[in-house]
Amino acid sequence: MAFKKAIANVLKELIIPELSKIKDEINNVSAKLEFTNKRLDDINLHLVDQSRRIDGLREELSQRIDAVREELTQRIDETNDRINRLYEVIVHRDEHSGLEQKVLDLERDVQKIKIKIAV
């Protein structure tokens, strides 16, 4: 029995301090893990907040792009209308020039006929 007690005492002297150290280290690791988890939770909350802000900005930007697109479409339509009116004016000028030349030709022909009749 004395041998069992001696072995038990030796084990207690060697193992119990080691177990105590292991327990302290586990407590230390647990505290660090708890701190790390809290920090990760804080970071996750921050990321969620940033994500919401980005979504809000994305929506605002989308609305602004749509407004600019509508304005540009309206300006393009107005420019197209101006180009169409300008084309009509140019075509009428070309037609006017052609008609003016025909009138001059007719006046010249009438003048020739008058000269022939007068002779």
PDB file of N, CA and C in Angstrom:
ATOM      1  N   MET A   1       0.792  -1.181   0.000  1.00  0.00           N
ATOM      2  CA  MET A   1       0.000   0.000   0.000  1.00  0.00           C
ATOM      3  C   MET A   1       0.844   1.258   0.000  1.00  0.00           C
ATOM      4  N   ALA A   2       1.936   1.161   0.692  1.00  0.00           N
ATOM      5  CA  ALA A   2       2.827   2.311   0.760  1.00  0.00           C
ATOM      6  C   ALA A   2       3.325   2.658  -0.630  1.00  0.00           C
ATOM      7  N   PHE A   3       3.500   1.631  -1.424  1.00  0.00           N
ATOM      8  CA  PHE A   3       3.953   1.843  -2.796  1.00  0.00           C
ATOM      9  C   PHE A   3       2.895   2.584  -3.598  1.00  0.00           C
ATOM     10  N   LYS A   4       1.619   2.179  -3.405  1.00  0.00           N
ATOM     11  CA  LYS A   4       0.516   2.854  -4.106  1.00  0.00           C
ATOM     12  C   LYS A   4       0.439   4.311  -3.683  1.00  0.00           C
ATOM     13  N   LYS A   5       0.589   4.548  -2.393  1.00  0.00           N
ATOM     14  CA  LYS A   5       0.534   5.920  -1.906  1.00  0.00           C
ATOM     15  C   LYS A   5       1.696   6.737  -2.453  1.00  0.00           C
ATOM     16  N   ALA A   6       2.839   6.099  -2.511  1.00  0.00           N
ATOM     17  CA  ALA A   6       4.017   6.796  -3.026  1.00  0.00           C
ATOM     18  C   ALA A   6       3.817   7.166  -4.494  1.00  0.00           C
ATOM     19  N   ILE A   7       3.303   6.233  -5.252  1.00  0.00           N
ATOM     20  CA  ILE A   7       3.043   6.497  -6.676  1.00  0.00           C
ATOM     21  C   ILE A   7       1.969   7.567  -6.806  1.00  0.00           C
ATOM     22  N   ALA A   8       0.920   7.470  -5.981  1.00  0.00           N
ATOM     23  CA  ALA A   8      -0.151   8.458  -6.019  1.00  0.00           C
ATOM     24  C   ALA A   8       0.388   9.837  -5.670  1.00  0.00           C
ATOM     25  N   ASN A   9       1.242   9.916  -4.667  1.00  0.00           N
ATOM     26  CA  ASN A   9       1.830  11.198  -4.273  1.00  0.00           C
ATOM     27  C   ASN A   9       2.716  11.772  -5.377  1.00  0.00           C
ATOM     28  N   VAL A  10       3.510  10.900  -6.011  1.00  0.00           N
ATOM     29  CA  VAL A  10       4.379  11.351  -7.109  1.00  0.00           C
ATOM     30  C   VAL A  10       3.532  11.852  -8.272  1.00  0.00           C
ATOM     31  N   LEU A  11       2.495  11.082  -8.572  1.00  0.00           N
ATOM     32  CA  LEU A  11       1.609  11.503  -9.665  1.00  0.00           C
ATOM     33  C   LEU A  11       0.944  12.841  -9.342  1.00  0.00           C
ATOM     34  N   LYS A  12       0.507  12.972  -8.060  1.00  0.00           N
ATOM     35  CA  LYS A  12      -0.117  14.228  -7.640  1.00  0.00           C
ATOM     36  C   LYS A  12       0.869  15.379  -7.766  1.00  0.00           C
ATOM     37  N   GLU A  13       2.118  15.135  -7.368  1.00  0.00           N
ATOM     38  CA  GLU A  13       3.127  16.184  -7.418  1.00  0.00           C
ATOM     39  C   GLU A  13       3.481  16.553  -8.855  1.00  0.00           C
ATOM     40  N   LEU A  14       3.471  15.594  -9.749  1.00  0.00           N
ATOM     41  CA  LEU A  14       3.836  15.860 -11.146  1.00  0.00           C
ATOM     42  C   LEU A  14       2.628  16.264 -12.002  1.00  0.00           C
ATOM     43  N   ILE A  15       1.548  15.578 -11.835  1.00  0.00           N
ATOM     44  CA  ILE A  15       0.404  15.770 -12.741  1.00  0.00           C
ATOM     45  C   ILE A  15      -0.468  16.953 -12.330  1.00  0.00           C
ATOM     46  N   ILE A  16      -0.723  17.091 -11.043  1.00  0.00           N
ATOM     47  CA  ILE A  16      -1.640  18.157 -10.604  1.00  0.00           C
ATOM     48  C   ILE A  16      -1.115  19.541 -10.997  1.00  0.00           C
ATOM     49  N   PRO A  17       0.185  19.820 -10.799  1.00  0.00           N
ATOM     50  CA  PRO A  17       0.654  21.136 -11.261  1.00  0.00           C
ATOM     51  C   PRO A  17       0.513  21.292 -12.782  1.00  0.00           C
ATOM     52  N   GLU A  18       0.777  20.222 -13.519  1.00  0.00           N
ATOM     53  CA  GLU A  18       0.633  20.273 -14.982  1.00  0.00           C
ATOM     54  C   GLU A  18      -0.836  20.479 -15.366  1.00  0.00           C
ATOM     55  N   LEU A  19      -1.706  19.740 -14.671  1.00  0.00           N
ATOM     56  CA  LEU A  19      -3.137  19.915 -14.940  1.00  0.00           C
ATOM     57  C   LEU A  19      -3.580  21.340 -14.614  1.00  0.00           C
ATOM     58  N   SER A  20      -3.029  21.894 -13.550  1.00  0.00           N
ATOM     59  CA  SER A  20      -3.343  23.266 -13.163  1.00  0.00           C
ATOM     60  C   SER A  20      -2.868  24.236 -14.239  1.00  0.00           C
ATOM     61  N   LYS A  21      -1.650  24.002 -14.760  1.00  0.00           N
ATOM     62  CA  LYS A  21      -1.132  24.846 -15.849  1.00  0.00           C
ATOM     63  C   LYS A  21      -2.011  24.715 -17.087  1.00  0.00           C
ATOM     64  N   ILE A  22      -2.383  23.479 -17.416  1.00  0.00           N
ATOM     65  CA  ILE A  22      -3.241  23.248 -18.590  1.00  0.00           C
ATOM     66  C   ILE A  22      -4.573  23.953 -18.399  1.00  0.00           C
ATOM     67  N   LYS A  23      -5.124  23.862 -17.197  1.00  0.00           N
ATOM     68  CA  LYS A  23      -6.403  24.521 -16.908  1.00  0.00           C
ATOM     69  C   LYS A  23      -6.263  26.032 -17.069  1.00  0.00           C
ATOM     70  N   ASP A  24      -5.172  26.611 -16.562  1.00  0.00           N
ATOM     71  CA  ASP A  24      -4.931  28.048 -16.701  1.00  0.00           C
ATOM     72  C   ASP A  24      -4.802  28.443 -18.174  1.00  0.00           C
ATOM     73  N   GLU A  25      -4.072  27.618 -18.935  1.00  0.00           N
ATOM     74  CA  GLU A  25      -3.903  27.896 -20.363  1.00  0.00           C
ATOM     75  C   GLU A  25      -5.241  27.802 -21.104  1.00  0.00           C
ATOM     76  N   ILE A  26      -6.039  26.813 -20.749  1.00  0.00           N
ATOM     77  CA  ILE A  26      -7.367  26.669 -21.363  1.00  0.00           C
ATOM     78  C   ILE A  26      -8.217  27.891 -21.042  1.00  0.00           C
ATOM     79  N   ASN A  27      -8.162  28.338 -19.772  1.00  0.00           N
ATOM     80  CA  ASN A  27      -8.910  29.541 -19.397  1.00  0.00           C
ATOM     81  C   ASN A  27      -8.421  30.761 -20.182  1.00  0.00           C
ATOM     82  N   ASN A  28      -7.105  30.850 -20.337  1.00  0.00           N
ATOM     83  CA  ASN A  28      -6.515  31.955 -21.084  1.00  0.00           C
ATOM     84  C   ASN A  28      -6.965  31.900 -22.550  1.00  0.00           C
ATOM     85  N   VAL A  29      -6.881  30.714 -23.155  1.00  0.00           N
ATOM     86  CA  VAL A  29      -7.308  30.535 -24.553  1.00  0.00           C
ATOM     87  C   VAL A  29      -8.801  30.830 -24.684  1.00  0.00           C
ATOM     88  N   SER A  30      -9.596  30.401 -23.714  1.00  0.00           N
ATOM     89  CA  SER A  30     -11.040  30.656 -23.747  1.00  0.00           C
ATOM     90  C   SER A  30     -11.320  32.155 -23.700  1.00  0.00           C
ATOM     91  N   ALA A  31     -10.568  32.865 -22.851  1.00  0.00           N
ATOM     92  CA  ALA A  31     -10.750  34.321 -22.765  1.00  0.00           C
ATOM     93  C   ALA A  31     -10.384  34.988 -24.086  1.00  0.00           C
ATOM     94  N   LYS A  32      -9.268  34.563 -24.665  1.00  0.00           N
ATOM     95  CA  LYS A  32      -8.857  35.125 -25.960  1.00  0.00           C
ATOM     96  C   LYS A  32      -9.876  34.788 -27.039  1.00  0.00           C
ATOM     97  N   LEU A  33     -10.388  33.562 -27.015  1.00  0.00           N
ATOM     98  CA  LEU A  33     -11.392  33.154 -27.993  1.00  0.00           C
ATOM     99  C   LEU A  33     -12.664  33.983 -27.842  1.00  0.00           C
ATOM    100  N   GLU A  34     -13.067  34.210 -26.596  1.00  0.00           N
ATOM    101  CA  GLU A  34     -14.260  35.020 -26.343  1.00  0.00           C
ATOM    102  C   GLU A  34     -14.053  36.450 -26.854  1.00  0.00           C
ATOM    103  N   PHE A  35     -12.866  37.013 -26.590  1.00  0.00           N
ATOM    104  CA  PHE A  35     -12.543  38.352 -27.083  1.00  0.00           C
ATOM    105  C   PHE A  35     -12.547  38.371 -28.612  1.00  0.00           C
ATOM    106  N   THR A  36     -11.942  37.354 -29.210  1.00  0.00           N
ATOM    107  CA  THR A  36     -11.892  37.275 -30.677  1.00  0.00           C
ATOM    108  C   THR A  36     -13.299  37.162 -31.264  1.00  0.00           C
ATOM    109  N   ASN A  37     -14.140  36.322 -30.657  1.00  0.00           N
ATOM    110  CA  ASN A  37     -15.515  36.185 -31.138  1.00  0.00           C
ATOM    111  C   ASN A  37     -16.274  37.501 -31.025  1.00  0.00           C
ATOM    112  N   LYS A  38     -16.056  38.231 -29.921  1.00  0.00           N
ATOM    113  CA  LYS A  38     -16.711  39.533 -29.751  1.00  0.00           C
ATOM    114  C   LYS A  38     -16.244  40.496 -30.827  1.00  0.00           C
ATOM    115  N   ARG A  39     -14.958  40.480 -31.085  1.00  0.00           N
ATOM    116  CA  ARG A  39     -14.400  41.354 -32.126  1.00  0.00           C
ATOM    117  C   ARG A  39     -14.967  40.985 -33.497  1.00  0.00           C
ATOM    118  N   LEU A  40     -15.063  39.693 -33.781  1.00  0.00           N
ATOM    119  CA  LEU A  40     -15.649  39.256 -35.061  1.00  0.00           C
ATOM    120  C   LEU A  40     -17.112  39.686 -35.170  1.00  0.00           C
ATOM    121  N   ASP A  41     -17.845  39.605 -34.065  1.00  0.00           N
ATOM    122  CA  ASP A  41     -19.238  40.067 -34.061  1.00  0.00           C
ATOM    123  C   ASP A  41     -19.308  41.562 -34.374  1.00  0.00           C
ATOM    124  N   ASP A  42     -18.398  42.335 -33.762  1.00  0.00           N
ATOM    125  CA  ASP A  42     -18.360  43.777 -34.033  1.00  0.00           C
ATOM    126  C   ASP A  42     -18.051  44.050 -35.503  1.00  0.00           C
ATOM    127  N   ILE A  43     -17.096  43.307 -36.041  1.00  0.00           N
ATOM    128  CA  ILE A  43     -16.728  43.482 -37.455  1.00  0.00           C
ATOM    129  C   ILE A  43     -17.904  43.101 -38.352  1.00  0.00           C
ATOM    130  N   ASN A  44     -18.592  42.019 -38.022  1.00  0.00           N
ATOM    131  CA  ASN A  44     -19.750  41.608 -38.816  1.00  0.00           C
ATOM    132  C   ASN A  44     -20.838  42.675 -38.793  1.00  0.00           C
ATOM    133  N   LEU A  45     -21.094  43.254 -37.620  1.00  0.00           N
ATOM    134  CA  LEU A  45     -22.084  44.334 -37.533  1.00  0.00           C
ATOM    135  C   LEU A  45     -21.665  45.526 -38.383  1.00  0.00           C
ATOM    136  N   HIS A  46     -20.383  45.839 -38.331  1.00  0.00           N
ATOM    137  CA  HIS A  46     -19.868  46.942 -39.143  1.00  0.00           C
ATOM    138  C   HIS A  46     -20.035  46.643 -40.638  1.00  0.00           C
ATOM    139  N   LEU A  47     -19.724  45.419 -41.029  1.00  0.00           N
ATOM    140  CA  LEU A  47     -19.863  45.039 -42.441  1.00  0.00           C
ATOM    141  C   LEU A  47     -21.322  45.079 -42.894  1.00  0.00           C
ATOM    142  N   VAL A  48     -22.221  44.655 -42.031  1.00  0.00           N
ATOM    143  CA  VAL A  48     -23.649  44.708 -42.366  1.00  0.00           C
ATOM    144  C   VAL A  48     -24.078  46.157 -42.551  1.00  0.00           C
ATOM    145  N   ASP A  49     -23.604  47.029 -41.649  1.00  0.00           N
ATOM    146  CA  ASP A  49     -23.923  48.456 -41.758  1.00  0.00           C
ATOM    147  C   ASP A  49     -23.364  49.027 -43.056  1.00  0.00           C
ATOM    148  N   GLN A  50     -22.126  48.689 -43.371  1.00  0.00           N
ATOM    149  CA  GLN A  50     -21.519  49.166 -44.615  1.00  0.00           C
ATOM    150  C   GLN A  50     -22.272  48.635 -45.835  1.00  0.00           C
ATOM    151  N   SER A  51     -22.702  47.403 -45.766  1.00  0.00           N
ATOM    152  CA  SER A  51     -23.456  46.806 -46.868  1.00  0.00           C
ATOM    153  C   SER A  51     -24.763  47.562 -47.092  1.00  0.00           C
ATOM    154  N   ARG A  52     -25.438  47.913 -45.991  1.00  0.00           N
ATOM    155  CA  ARG A  52     -26.678  48.688 -46.111  1.00  0.00           C
ATOM    156  C   ARG A  52     -26.410  50.049 -46.723  1.00  0.00           C
ATOM    157  N   ARG A  53     -25.322  50.685 -46.278  1.00  0.00           N
ATOM    158  CA  ARG A  53     -24.986  51.995 -46.835  1.00  0.00           C
ATOM    159  C   ARG A  53     -24.676  51.884 -48.327  1.00  0.00           C
ATOM    160  N   ILE A  54     -23.948  50.843 -48.695  1.00  0.00           N
ATOM    161  CA  ILE A  54     -23.619  50.635 -50.108  1.00  0.00           C
ATOM    162  C   ILE A  54     -24.894  50.396 -50.908  1.00  0.00           C
ATOM    163  N   ASP A  55     -25.809  49.598 -50.366  1.00  0.00           N
ATOM    164  CA  ASP A  55     -27.073  49.350 -51.063  1.00  0.00           C
ATOM    165  C   ASP A  55     -27.843  50.650 -51.251  1.00  0.00           C
ATOM    166  N   GLY A  56     -27.863  51.497 -50.219  1.00  0.00           N
ATOM    167  CA  GLY A  56     -28.544  52.789 -50.323  1.00  0.00           C
ATOM    168  C   GLY A  56     -27.898  53.669 -51.374  1.00  0.00           C
ATOM    169  N   LEU A  57     -26.574  53.710 -51.371  1.00  0.00           N
ATOM    170  CA  LEU A  57     -25.857  54.509 -52.365  1.00  0.00           C
ATOM    171  C   LEU A  57     -26.063  53.956 -53.762  1.00  0.00           C
ATOM    172  N   ARG A  58     -26.099  52.634 -53.875  1.00  0.00           N
ATOM    173  CA  ARG A  58     -26.321  52.003 -55.176  1.00  0.00           C
ATOM    174  C   ARG A  58     -27.695  52.394 -55.720  1.00  0.00           C
ATOM    175  N   GLU A  59     -28.703  52.383 -54.849  1.00  0.00           N
ATOM    176  CA  GLU A  59     -30.059  52.754 -55.258  1.00  0.00           C
ATOM    177  C   GLU A  59     -30.104  54.224 -55.680  1.00  0.00           C
ATOM    178  N   GLU A  60     -29.461  55.073 -54.878  1.00  0.00           N
ATOM    179  CA  GLU A  60     -29.430  56.504 -55.205  1.00  0.00           C
ATOM    180  C   GLU A  60     -28.714  56.736 -56.531  1.00  0.00           C
ATOM    181  N   LEU A  61     -27.598  56.055 -56.721  1.00  0.00           N
ATOM    182  CA  LEU A  61     -26.847  56.191 -57.964  1.00  0.00           C
ATOM    183  C   LEU A  61     -27.662  55.693 -59.152  1.00  0.00           C
ATOM    184  N   SER A  62     -28.361  54.598 -58.965  1.00  0.00           N
ATOM    185  CA  SER A  62     -29.208  54.054 -60.029  1.00  0.00           C
ATOM    186  C   SER A  62     -30.288  55.061 -60.425  1.00  0.00           C
ATOM    187  N   GLN A  63     -30.894  55.707 -59.425  1.00  0.00           N
ATOM    188  CA  GLN A  63     -31.922  56.708 -59.716  1.00  0.00           C
ATOM    189  C   GLN A  63     -31.331  57.901 -60.453  1.00  0.00           C
ATOM    190  N   ARG A  64     -30.133  58.308 -60.032  1.00  0.00           N
ATOM    191  CA  ARG A  64     -29.487  59.443 -60.705  1.00  0.00           C
ATOM    192  C   ARG A  64     -29.130  59.086 -62.141  1.00  0.00           C
ATOM    193  N   ILE A  65     -28.658  57.864 -62.354  1.00  0.00           N
ATOM    194  CA  ILE A  65     -28.322  57.426 -63.719  1.00  0.00           C
ATOM    195  C   ILE A  65     -29.588  57.407 -64.577  1.00  0.00           C
ATOM    196  N   ASP A  66     -30.696  56.899 -64.016  1.00  0.00           N
ATOM    197  CA  ASP A  66     -31.951  56.880 -64.761  1.00  0.00           C
ATOM    198  C   ASP A  66     -32.398  58.288 -65.118  1.00  0.00           C
ATOM    199  N   ALA A  67     -32.239  59.236 -64.189  1.00  0.00           N
ATOM    200  CA  ALA A  67     -32.629  60.623 -64.454  1.00  0.00           C
ATOM    201  C   ALA A  67     -31.763  61.218 -65.561  1.00  0.00           C
ATOM    202  N   VAL A  68     -30.458  60.959 -65.505  1.00  0.00           N
ATOM    203  CA  VAL A  68     -29.553  61.465 -66.552  1.00  0.00           C
ATOM    204  C   VAL A  68     -29.892  60.821 -67.887  1.00  0.00           C
ATOM    205  N   ARG A  69     -30.207  59.527 -67.863  1.00  0.00           N
ATOM    206  CA  ARG A  69     -30.572  58.831 -69.097  1.00  0.00           C
ATOM    207  C   ARG A  69     -31.825  59.459 -69.718  1.00  0.00           C
ATOM    208  N   GLU A  70     -32.824  59.748 -68.868  1.00  0.00           N
ATOM    209  CA  GLU A  70     -34.049  60.372 -69.373  1.00  0.00           C
ATOM    210  C   GLU A  70     -33.754  61.754 -69.951  1.00  0.00           C
ATOM    211  N   GLU A  71     -32.922  62.526 -69.246  1.00  0.00           N
ATOM    212  CA  GLU A  71     -32.579  63.861 -69.734  1.00  0.00           C
ATOM    213  C   GLU A  71     -31.837  63.775 -71.067  1.00  0.00           C
ATOM    214  N   LEU A  72     -30.891  62.850 -71.156  1.00  0.00           N
ATOM    215  CA  LEU A  72     -30.140  62.694 -72.405  1.00  0.00           C
ATOM    216  C   LEU A  72     -31.050  62.241 -73.547  1.00  0.00           C
ATOM    217  N   THR A  73     -31.967  61.342 -73.244  1.00  0.00           N
ATOM    218  CA  THR A  73     -32.910  60.893 -74.269  1.00  0.00           C
ATOM    219  C   THR A  73     -33.740  62.065 -74.768  1.00  0.00           C
ATOM    220  N   GLN A  74     -34.200  62.903 -73.850  1.00  0.00           N
ATOM    221  CA  GLN A  74     -34.992  64.076 -74.231  1.00  0.00           C
ATOM    222  C   GLN A  74     -34.144  65.033 -75.071  1.00  0.00           C
ATOM    223  N   ARG A  75     -32.895  65.251 -74.667  1.00  0.00           N
ATOM    224  CA  ARG A  75     -32.026  66.144 -75.433  1.00  0.00           C
ATOM    225  C   ARG A  75     -31.729  65.580 -76.823  1.00  0.00           C
ATOM    226  N   ILE A  76     -31.539  64.273 -76.894  1.00  0.00           N
ATOM    227  CA  ILE A  76     -31.291  63.644 -78.204  1.00  0.00           C
ATOM    228  C   ILE A  76     -32.514  63.805 -79.097  1.00  0.00           C
ATOM    229  N   ASP A  77     -33.705  63.600 -78.516  1.00  0.00           N
ATOM    230  CA  ASP A  77     -34.931  63.783 -79.295  1.00  0.00           C
ATOM    231  C   ASP A  77     -35.055  65.221 -79.795  1.00  0.00           C
ATOM    232  N   GLU A  78     -34.745  66.182 -78.915  1.00  0.00           N
ATOM    233  CA  GLU A  78     -34.801  67.587 -79.322  1.00  0.00           C
ATOM    234  C   GLU A  78     -33.793  67.871 -80.430  1.00  0.00           C
ATOM    235  N   THR A  79     -32.599  67.310 -80.293  1.00  0.00           N
ATOM    236  CA  THR A  79     -31.567  67.507 -81.314  1.00  0.00           C
ATOM    237  C   THR A  79     -32.001  66.872 -82.638  1.00  0.00           C
ATOM    238  N   ASN A  80     -32.600  65.707 -82.564  1.00  0.00           N
ATOM    239  CA  ASN A  80     -33.093  65.057 -83.782  1.00  0.00           C
ATOM    240  C   ASN A  80     -34.173  65.913 -84.450  1.00  0.00           C
ATOM    241  N   ASP A  81     -35.068  66.493 -83.636  1.00  0.00           N
ATOM    242  CA  ASP A  81     -36.096  67.372 -84.198  1.00  0.00           C
ATOM    243  C   ASP A  81     -35.455  68.577 -84.884  1.00  0.00           C
ATOM    244  N   ARG A  82     -34.448  69.153 -84.254  1.00  0.00           N
ATOM    245  CA  ARG A  82     -33.753  70.297 -84.866  1.00  0.00           C
ATOM    246  C   ARG A  82     -33.090  69.893 -86.180  1.00  0.00           C
ATOM    247  N   ILE A  83     -32.452  68.727 -86.167  1.00  0.00           N
ATOM    248  CA  ILE A  83     -31.793  68.243 -87.396  1.00  0.00           C
ATOM    249  C   ILE A  83     -32.833  68.025 -88.491  1.00  0.00           C
ATOM    250  N   ASN A  84     -33.993  67.465 -88.115  1.00  0.00           N
ATOM    251  CA  ASN A  84     -35.052  67.251 -89.107  1.00  0.00           C
ATOM    252  C   ASN A  84     -35.537  68.579 -89.678  1.00  0.00           C
ATOM    253  N   ARG A  85     -35.724  69.588 -88.808  1.00  0.00           N
ATOM    254  CA  ARG A  85     -36.165  70.902 -89.301  1.00  0.00           C
ATOM    255  C   ARG A  85     -35.095  71.522 -90.197  1.00  0.00           C
ATOM    256  N   LEU A  86     -33.839  71.383 -89.791  1.00  0.00           N
ATOM    257  CA  LEU A  86     -32.744  71.911 -90.598  1.00  0.00           C
ATOM    258  C   LEU A  86     -32.710  71.218 -91.958  1.00  0.00           C
ATOM    259  N   TYR A  87     -32.932  69.920 -91.973  1.00  0.00           N
ATOM    260  CA  TYR A  87     -32.966  69.184 -93.237  1.00  0.00           C
ATOM    261  C   TYR A  87     -34.079  69.711 -94.136  1.00  0.00           C
ATOM    262  N   GLU A  88     -35.250  69.932 -93.531  1.00  0.00           N
ATOM    263  CA  GLU A  88     -36.368  70.468 -94.313  1.00  0.00           C
ATOM    264  C   GLU A  88     -36.040  71.828 -94.892  1.00  0.00           C
ATOM    265  N   VAL A  89     -35.383  72.692 -94.102  1.00  0.00           N
ATOM    266  CA  VAL A  89     -34.995  74.019 -94.589  1.00  0.00           C
ATOM    267  C   VAL A  89     -33.997  73.882 -95.719  1.00  0.00           C
ATOM    268  N   ILE A  90     -33.023  72.986 -95.572  1.00  0.00           N
ATOM    269  CA  ILE A  90     -32.021  72.799 -96.628  1.00  0.00           C
ATOM    270  C   ILE A  90     -32.676  72.267 -97.897  1.00  0.00           C
ATOM    271  N   VAL A  91     -33.580  71.301 -97.746  1.00  0.00           N
ATOM    272  CA  VAL A  91     -34.272  70.745 -98.914  1.00  0.00           C
ATOM    273  C   VAL A  91     -35.092  71.838 -99.594  1.00  0.00           C
ATOM    274  N   HIS A  92     -35.790  72.658 -98.818  1.00  0.00           N
ATOM    275  CA  HIS A  92     -36.570  73.741 -99.409  1.00  0.00           C
ATOM    276  C   HIS A  92     -35.673  74.745-100.113  1.00  0.00           C
ATOM    277  N   ARG A  93     -34.503  75.019 -99.571  1.00  0.00           N
ATOM    278  CA  ARG A  93     -33.567  75.933-100.237  1.00  0.00           C
ATOM    279  C   ARG A  93     -33.098  75.333-101.553  1.00  0.00           C
ATOM    280  N   ASP A  94     -32.787  74.017-101.525  1.00  0.00           N
ATOM    281  CA  ASP A  94     -32.364  73.360-102.766  1.00  0.00           C
ATOM    282  C   ASP A  94     -33.480  73.416-103.801  1.00  0.00           C
ATOM    283  N   GLU A  95     -34.703  73.140-103.352  1.00  0.00           N
ATOM    284  CA  GLU A  95     -35.851  73.214-104.264  1.00  0.00           C
ATOM    285  C   GLU A  95     -36.031  74.640-104.761  1.00  0.00           C
ATOM    286  N   HIS A  96     -35.837  75.597-103.866  1.00  0.00           N
ATOM    287  CA  HIS A  96     -35.968  77.007-104.239  1.00  0.00           C
ATOM    288  C   HIS A  96     -34.932  77.373-105.295  1.00  0.00           C
ATOM    289  N   SER A  97     -33.701  76.910-105.088  1.00  0.00           N
ATOM    290  CA  SER A  97     -32.645  77.184-106.075  1.00  0.00           C
ATOM    291  C   SER A  97     -33.012  76.573-107.423  1.00  0.00           C
ATOM    292  N   GLY A  98     -33.529  75.350-107.387  1.00  0.00           N
ATOM    293  CA  GLY A  98     -33.930  74.690-108.638  1.00  0.00           C
ATOM    294  C   GLY A  98     -35.066  75.433-109.317  1.00  0.00           C
ATOM    295  N   LEU A  99     -36.053  75.861-108.529  1.00  0.00           N
ATOM    296  CA  LEU A  99     -37.171  76.615-109.098  1.00  0.00           C
ATOM    297  C   LEU A  99     -36.707  77.962-109.637  1.00  0.00           C
ATOM    298  N   GLU A 100     -35.787  78.598-108.936  1.00  0.00           N
ATOM    299  CA  GLU A 100     -35.257  79.892-109.383  1.00  0.00           C
ATOM    300  C   GLU A 100     -34.562  79.735-110.730  1.00  0.00           C
ATOM    301  N   GLN A 101     -33.795  78.660-110.854  1.00  0.00           N
ATOM    302  CA  GLN A 101     -33.098  78.406-112.135  1.00  0.00           C
ATOM    303  C   GLN A 101     -34.102  78.152-113.249  1.00  0.00           C
ATOM    304  N   LYS A 102     -35.184  77.397-112.943  1.00  0.00           N
ATOM    305  CA  LYS A 102     -36.212  77.129-113.956  1.00  0.00           C
ATOM    306  C   LYS A 102     -36.903  78.419-114.378  1.00  0.00           C
ATOM    307  N   VAL A 103     -37.169  79.301-113.426  1.00  0.00           N
ATOM    308  CA  VAL A 103     -37.796  80.597-113.762  1.00  0.00           C
ATOM    309  C   VAL A 103     -36.867  81.402-114.645  1.00  0.00           C
ATOM    310  N   LEU A 104     -35.578  81.423-114.315  1.00  0.00           N
ATOM    311  CA  LEU A 104     -34.606  82.151-115.154  1.00  0.00           C
ATOM    312  C   LEU A 104     -34.559  81.556-116.560  1.00  0.00           C
ATOM    313  N   ASP A 105     -34.585  80.230-116.645  1.00  0.00           N
ATOM    314  CA  ASP A 105     -34.585  79.573-117.960  1.00  0.00           C
ATOM    315  C   ASP A 105     -35.846  79.937-118.748  1.00  0.00           C
ATOM    316  N   LEU A 106     -36.995  79.920-118.050  1.00  0.00           N
ATOM    317  CA  LEU A 106     -38.255  80.282-118.722  1.00  0.00           C
ATOM    318  C   LEU A 106     -38.238  81.747-119.180  1.00  0.00           C
ATOM    319  N   GLU A 107     -37.713  82.628-118.354  1.00  0.00           N
ATOM    320  CA  GLU A 107     -37.620  84.046-118.744  1.00  0.00           C
ATOM    321  C   GLU A 107     -36.734  84.196-119.967  1.00  0.00           C
ATOM    322  N   ARG A 108     -35.646  83.460-120.016  1.00  0.00           N
ATOM    323  CA  ARG A 108     -34.740  83.522-121.170  1.00  0.00           C
ATOM    324  C   ARG A 108     -35.453  82.988-122.414  1.00  0.00           C
ATOM    325  N   ASP A 109     -36.190  81.861-122.235  1.00  0.00           N
ATOM    326  CA  ASP A 109     -36.922  81.305-123.373  1.00  0.00           C
ATOM    327  C   ASP A 109     -37.989  82.281-123.867  1.00  0.00           C
ATOM    328  N   VAL A 110     -38.700  82.923-122.943  1.00  0.00           N
ATOM    329  CA  VAL A 110     -39.731  83.905-123.324  1.00  0.00           C
ATOM    330  C   VAL A 110     -39.082  85.067-124.059  1.00  0.00           C
ATOM    331  N   GLN A 111     -37.933  85.489-123.593  1.00  0.00           N
ATOM    332  CA  GLN A 111     -37.217  86.595-124.238  1.00  0.00           C
ATOM    333  C   GLN A 111     -36.835  86.204-125.663  1.00  0.00           C
ATOM    334  N   LYS A 112     -36.378  84.971-125.857  1.00  0.00           N
ATOM    335  CA  LYS A 112     -36.019  84.508-127.205  1.00  0.00           C
ATOM    336  C   LYS A 112     -37.250  84.484-128.109  1.00  0.00           C
ATOM    337  N   ILE A 113     -38.371  84.022-127.531  1.00  0.00           N
ATOM    338  CA  ILE A 113     -39.609  83.964-128.329  1.00  0.00           C
ATOM    339  C   ILE A 113     -40.047  85.360-128.714  1.00  0.00           C
ATOM    340  N   LYS A 114     -39.956  86.300-127.787  1.00  0.00           N
ATOM    341  CA  LYS A 114     -40.321  87.684-128.083  1.00  0.00           C
ATOM    342  C   LYS A 114     -39.468  88.245-129.187  1.00  0.00           C
ATOM    343  N   ILE A 115     -38.171  87.908-129.140  1.00  0.00           N
ATOM    344  CA  ILE A 115     -37.255  88.403-130.175  1.00  0.00           C
ATOM    345  C   ILE A 115     -37.626  87.795-131.531  1.00  0.00           C
ATOM    346  N   LYS A 116     -37.976  86.536-131.542  1.00  0.00           N
ATOM    347  CA  LYS A 116     -38.360  85.882-132.803  1.00  0.00           C
ATOM    348  C   LYS A 116     -39.645  86.469-133.347  1.00  0.00           C
ATOM    349  N   ILE A 117     -40.580  86.761-132.486  1.00  0.00           N
ATOM    350  CA  ILE A 117     -41.856  87.322-132.922  1.00  0.00           C
ATOM    351  C   ILE A 117     -41.656  88.755-133.440  1.00  0.00           C
ATOM    352  N   ALA A 118     -40.778  89.452-132.834  1.00  0.00           N
ATOM    353  CA  ALA A 118     -40.538  90.834-133.214  1.00  0.00           C
ATOM    354  C   ALA A 118     -39.808  90.922-134.530  1.00  0.00           C
ATOM    355  N   VAL A 119     -39.112  89.979-134.960  1.00  0.00           N
ATOM    356  CA  VAL A 119     -38.336  90.043-136.204  1.00  0.00           C
ATOM    357  C   VAL A 119     -39.163  89.767-137.375  1.00  0.00           C
TER     358      VAL A 119
END
